[in-house]
Amino acid sequence: MELTALEEALDHLVEAVTAEDRPRPTGQETVRLFRAASRLQAVLSIAASDFADGQEWAASGARSGPAWLSTETRLPTPECRRAARLGRRIHGLAHAEAAWLEGRIGAAHAAVLVGLGNRRTMYDLTEAEESLVGQAESLRFDDFAAVAAYWKQHADPEGTDSDEEERRNRRDVYLVESLGGPEERATTPARRGVAPLHNGACVKVPPWSSARLPSRPTARGAGSPWTGPRS
């Protein structure tokens, strides 16, 4: 992999943004930098995946490719592991991979899209992928995430129920300060629509099914913003 040209380009950009008499970047220039960063993140994730799947790291005694990368880069192991996992899983979604490599979507969009796939949804996701990528490109991120969650609820109701139960179980166990000083674990009865906070207070949250979905027509035409599962 040839990286000299990339490193030289980055050196040039570093000089540009650190010069005392530097001009203020325009909005479009800043957007182009964000998109370039997204493209580089995609390349990095795919490269990390390919490296992890190889055996070069094994000779060092490292437990895995991401563990070796963490040692060499001083980055957290979970960060290296997430990059490699995302790079591996994005290979199965051709439209999403292309959009990410071209900077039309970012790593957060890619993570949402690969998170929709499992053994129960992969057939439907293959059919819906292009439409979902279109939503990722045209909607604000929060709206896109709501569309993706809604699609998954319909494509994988069994998984949605399991995820909700797991989230509810996690909410029901939290830390409170004991009279003696140290913190101890405590549980409260599960209450629908109520999330306990670390200090014992509770915050009311709307039911998941009430998440507002974008109703405006998309760039791909009017109608439903997602492609539903097969009947």
Protein backbone atom coordinates (compact mmCIF):
# COMPACT_ATOMS: atom_id res chain seq x y z
CA MET A 1 0.00 0.00 0.00
CA GLU A 2 1.52 3.32 -1.12
CA LEU A 3 1.15 5.93 1.62
CA THR A 4 3.84 8.46 0.70
CA ALA A 5 1.51 10.68 -1.34
CA LEU A 6 -1.07 10.66 1.46
CA GLU A 7 1.50 11.59 4.09
CA GLU A 8 2.83 14.42 1.91
CA ALA A 9 -0.69 15.74 1.37
CA LEU A 10 -1.33 15.65 5.12
CA ASP A 11 1.93 17.48 5.77
CA HIS A 12 0.80 20.19 3.36
CA LEU A 13 -2.58 20.50 5.13
CA VAL A 14 -0.91 20.66 8.54
CA GLU A 15 1.25 23.54 7.32
CA ALA A 16 -1.84 25.28 5.95
CA VAL A 17 -3.87 25.09 9.17
CA THR A 18 -0.97 26.03 11.46
CA ALA A 19 0.28 29.06 9.52
CA GLU A 20 -0.19 32.30 11.47
CA ASP A 21 -1.56 34.12 8.41
CA ARG A 22 -3.82 31.26 7.36
CA PRO A 23 -7.10 32.22 5.69
CA ARG A 24 -10.33 31.13 7.32
CA PRO A 25 -11.63 27.99 5.56
CA THR A 26 -14.94 28.24 3.79
CA GLY A 27 -17.90 26.07 4.65
CA GLN A 28 -17.46 24.00 1.50
CA GLU A 29 -13.76 23.47 2.21
CA THR A 30 -14.63 22.25 5.71
CA VAL A 31 -17.28 19.89 4.33
CA ARG A 32 -14.74 18.53 1.85
CA LEU A 33 -12.34 17.85 4.73
CA PHE A 34 -15.07 15.97 6.62
CA ARG A 35 -15.78 13.86 3.56
CA ALA A 36 -12.10 13.20 2.99
CA ALA A 37 -11.80 12.13 6.63
CA SER A 38 -14.74 9.74 6.15
CA ARG A 39 -13.05 8.22 3.11
CA LEU A 40 -9.81 7.81 5.03
CA GLN A 41 -11.69 6.19 7.94
CA ALA A 42 -13.22 3.71 5.51
CA VAL A 43 -9.82 2.85 4.05
CA LEU A 44 -8.38 2.54 7.56
CA SER A 45 -11.16 0.20 8.72
CA ILE A 46 -10.84 -2.06 5.70
CA ALA A 47 -7.05 -2.12 6.05
CA ALA A 48 -7.36 -2.92 9.78
CA SER A 49 -9.73 -5.76 8.93
CA ASP A 50 -7.39 -7.18 6.29
CA PHE A 51 -4.43 -6.90 8.65
CA ALA A 52 -6.32 -8.59 11.48
CA ASP A 53 -7.31 -11.45 9.19
CA GLY A 54 -3.66 -12.02 8.28
CA GLN A 55 -1.00 -13.56 10.48
CA GLU A 56 1.76 -10.94 10.53
CA TRP A 57 0.83 -9.93 14.08
CA ALA A 58 1.01 -13.52 15.40
CA ALA A 59 4.83 -13.62 15.35
CA SER A 60 4.95 -10.90 18.00
CA GLY A 61 2.93 -12.95 20.45
CA ALA A 62 -0.01 -10.55 20.32
CA ARG A 63 -3.42 -12.10 20.98
CA SER A 64 -4.99 -10.53 17.87
CA GLY A 65 -4.48 -8.03 15.10
CA PRO A 66 -6.33 -5.26 16.96
CA ALA A 67 -4.26 -5.95 20.10
CA TRP A 68 -1.06 -5.58 18.08
CA LEU A 69 -2.35 -2.35 16.50
CA SER A 70 -3.23 -1.01 19.94
CA THR A 71 0.31 -1.64 21.16
CA GLU A 72 1.91 -0.01 18.14
CA THR A 73 -0.40 3.00 17.89
CA ARG A 74 -1.07 3.49 21.65
CA LEU A 75 -4.78 3.66 20.81
CA PRO A 76 -7.35 1.81 22.96
CA THR A 77 -7.76 -1.82 21.95
CA PRO A 78 -11.58 -1.46 21.66
CA GLU A 79 -11.08 1.35 19.12
CA CYS A 80 -8.79 -0.83 16.99
CA ARG A 81 -11.18 -3.76 17.36
CA ARG A 82 -14.19 -1.67 16.29
CA ALA A 83 -12.36 -0.40 13.22
CA ALA A 84 -11.39 -3.92 12.13
CA ARG A 85 -14.87 -5.30 12.80
CA LEU A 86 -16.54 -2.49 10.86
CA GLY A 87 -14.15 -2.93 7.96
CA ARG A 88 -14.89 -6.65 7.88
CA ARG A 89 -18.67 -6.34 8.09
CA ILE A 90 -18.98 -3.53 5.55
CA HIS A 91 -17.66 -5.92 2.89
CA GLY A 92 -21.05 -7.62 2.92
CA LEU A 93 -22.88 -4.39 1.99
CA ALA A 94 -21.65 -3.27 -1.42
CA HIS A 95 -23.72 -0.07 -1.62
CA ALA A 96 -22.76 1.02 1.88
CA GLU A 97 -19.10 0.24 1.33
CA ALA A 98 -19.03 2.27 -1.90
CA ALA A 99 -20.83 5.22 -0.27
CA TRP A 100 -18.40 5.23 2.66
CA LEU A 101 -15.31 4.98 0.47
CA GLU A 102 -16.61 7.89 -1.60
CA GLY A 103 -17.29 10.02 1.48
CA ARG A 104 -21.05 10.14 0.94
CA ILE A 105 -21.64 8.63 4.38
CA GLY A 106 -19.49 8.40 7.50
CA ALA A 107 -18.37 5.75 9.94
CA ALA A 108 -21.45 6.31 12.13
CA HIS A 109 -23.77 5.60 9.18
CA ALA A 110 -21.73 2.51 8.27
CA ALA A 111 -21.99 1.22 11.83
CA VAL A 112 -25.78 1.63 11.81
CA LEU A 113 -26.08 -0.15 8.47
CA VAL A 114 -23.93 -3.16 9.39
CA GLY A 115 -25.82 -3.34 12.70
CA LEU A 116 -28.99 -4.14 10.77
CA GLY A 117 -27.59 -7.40 9.47
CA ASN A 118 -27.95 -10.77 11.13
CA ARG A 119 -28.97 -14.25 10.04
CA ARG A 120 -32.66 -13.31 10.17
CA THR A 121 -32.41 -10.04 8.24
CA MET A 122 -29.64 -10.46 5.66
CA TYR A 123 -31.97 -11.40 2.78
CA ASP A 124 -34.24 -8.41 3.41
CA LEU A 125 -31.25 -6.14 4.02
CA THR A 126 -29.79 -7.08 0.64
CA GLU A 127 -33.02 -5.91 -0.99
CA ALA A 128 -33.32 -2.76 1.16
CA GLU A 129 -29.66 -1.75 1.32
CA GLU A 130 -29.61 0.68 -1.60
CA SER A 131 -32.69 2.48 -0.29
CA LEU A 132 -31.28 2.67 3.24
CA VAL A 133 -27.98 4.05 1.94
CA GLY A 134 -29.96 6.68 0.05
CA GLN A 135 -31.61 7.68 3.32
CA ALA A 136 -28.20 7.86 5.00
CA GLU A 137 -27.05 10.26 2.30
CA SER A 138 -30.11 12.52 2.34
CA LEU A 139 -31.40 12.63 5.94
CA ARG A 140 -30.02 14.14 9.12
CA PHE A 141 -28.27 11.43 11.08
CA ASP A 142 -30.89 11.19 13.85
CA ASP A 143 -33.68 10.79 11.28
CA PHE A 144 -31.69 8.16 9.41
CA ALA A 145 -31.05 6.23 12.64
CA ALA A 146 -34.80 6.31 13.36
CA VAL A 147 -35.55 4.97 9.87
CA ALA A 148 -32.98 2.21 10.32
CA ALA A 149 -34.38 1.28 13.74
CA TYR A 150 -37.91 1.20 12.34
CA TRP A 151 -36.78 -1.01 9.45
CA LYS A 152 -35.09 -3.41 11.85
CA GLN A 153 -38.17 -3.56 14.07
CA HIS A 154 -40.22 -4.79 11.13
CA ALA A 155 -37.54 -6.99 9.57
CA ASP A 156 -36.50 -8.61 12.85
CA PRO A 157 -39.24 -8.32 15.51
CA GLU A 158 -37.71 -11.24 17.41
CA GLY A 159 -34.39 -9.44 17.68
CA THR A 160 -36.06 -6.15 18.61
CA ASP A 161 -37.83 -7.79 21.54
CA SER A 162 -34.57 -9.37 22.71
CA ASP A 163 -32.69 -6.07 22.41
CA GLU A 164 -35.37 -4.23 24.37
CA GLU A 165 -35.29 -6.84 27.15
CA GLU A 166 -31.51 -6.58 27.34
CA ARG A 167 -31.66 -2.77 27.49
CA ARG A 168 -34.33 -2.97 30.20
CA ASN A 169 -32.22 -5.37 32.24
CA ARG A 170 -29.21 -3.05 31.95
CA ARG A 171 -31.30 -0.07 33.07
CA ASP A 172 -32.55 -1.93 36.13
CA VAL A 173 -29.04 -2.33 37.57
CA TYR A 174 -27.25 0.87 38.51
CA LEU A 175 -24.93 2.26 41.11
CA VAL A 176 -26.02 4.08 44.25
CA GLU A 177 -23.94 5.42 47.07
CA SER A 178 -24.30 3.43 50.26
CA LEU A 179 -24.40 4.86 53.76
CA GLY A 180 -20.92 3.55 54.38
CA GLY A 181 -19.40 5.51 51.52
CA PRO A 182 -18.47 2.99 48.79
CA GLU A 183 -20.81 2.32 45.93
CA GLU A 184 -22.86 -0.83 45.75
CA ARG A 185 -25.13 -2.33 43.13
CA ALA A 186 -28.87 -2.04 43.58
CA THR A 187 -31.88 -2.91 41.50
CA THR A 188 -35.29 -1.35 41.04
CA PRO A 189 -38.42 -2.85 39.56
CA ALA A 190 -38.59 -2.41 35.80
CA ARG A 191 -40.93 0.38 34.76
CA ARG A 192 -41.85 0.89 31.14
CA GLY A 193 -40.70 4.24 29.81
CA VAL A 194 -38.59 5.11 32.89
CA ALA A 195 -34.78 4.99 32.92
CA PRO A 196 -32.90 5.10 36.25
CA LEU A 197 -29.85 7.37 36.47
CA HIS A 198 -26.61 6.74 38.29
CA ASN A 199 -27.65 9.00 41.19
CA GLY A 200 -30.94 7.19 41.83
CA ALA A 201 -33.09 9.71 40.02
CA CYS A 202 -35.28 8.63 37.12
CA VAL A 203 -35.91 10.23 33.79
CA LYS A 204 -39.06 9.60 31.79
CA VAL A 205 -38.40 8.48 28.23
CA PRO A 206 -40.91 8.04 25.40
CA PRO A 207 -41.75 4.53 24.25
CA TRP A 208 -39.41 3.33 21.51
CA SER A 209 -42.31 2.91 19.05
CA SER A 210 -43.12 6.62 19.28
CA ALA A 211 -39.85 7.66 17.62
CA ARG A 212 -40.71 10.24 15.00
CA LEU A 213 -39.86 9.22 11.47
CA PRO A 214 -39.23 11.69 8.65
CA SER A 215 -42.33 12.06 6.51
CA ARG A 216 -40.93 14.32 3.81
CA PRO A 217 -40.22 12.88 0.35
CA THR A 218 -36.62 11.84 -0.17
CA ALA A 219 -34.27 12.51 -3.05
CA ARG A 220 -35.29 9.14 -4.45
CA GLY A 221 -38.93 10.20 -4.76
CA ALA A 222 -42.02 10.35 -2.63
CA GLY A 223 -43.28 7.48 -0.57
CA SER A 224 -42.02 5.35 2.28
CA PRO A 225 -38.43 6.17 3.30
CA TRP A 226 -37.53 2.53 3.76
CA THR A 227 -37.95 -0.74 2.00
CA GLY A 228 -39.88 -3.11 4.22
CA PRO A 229 -39.17 -6.80 4.68
CA ARG A 230 -40.63 -9.49 2.51
CA SER A 231 -44.15 -10.53 3.43
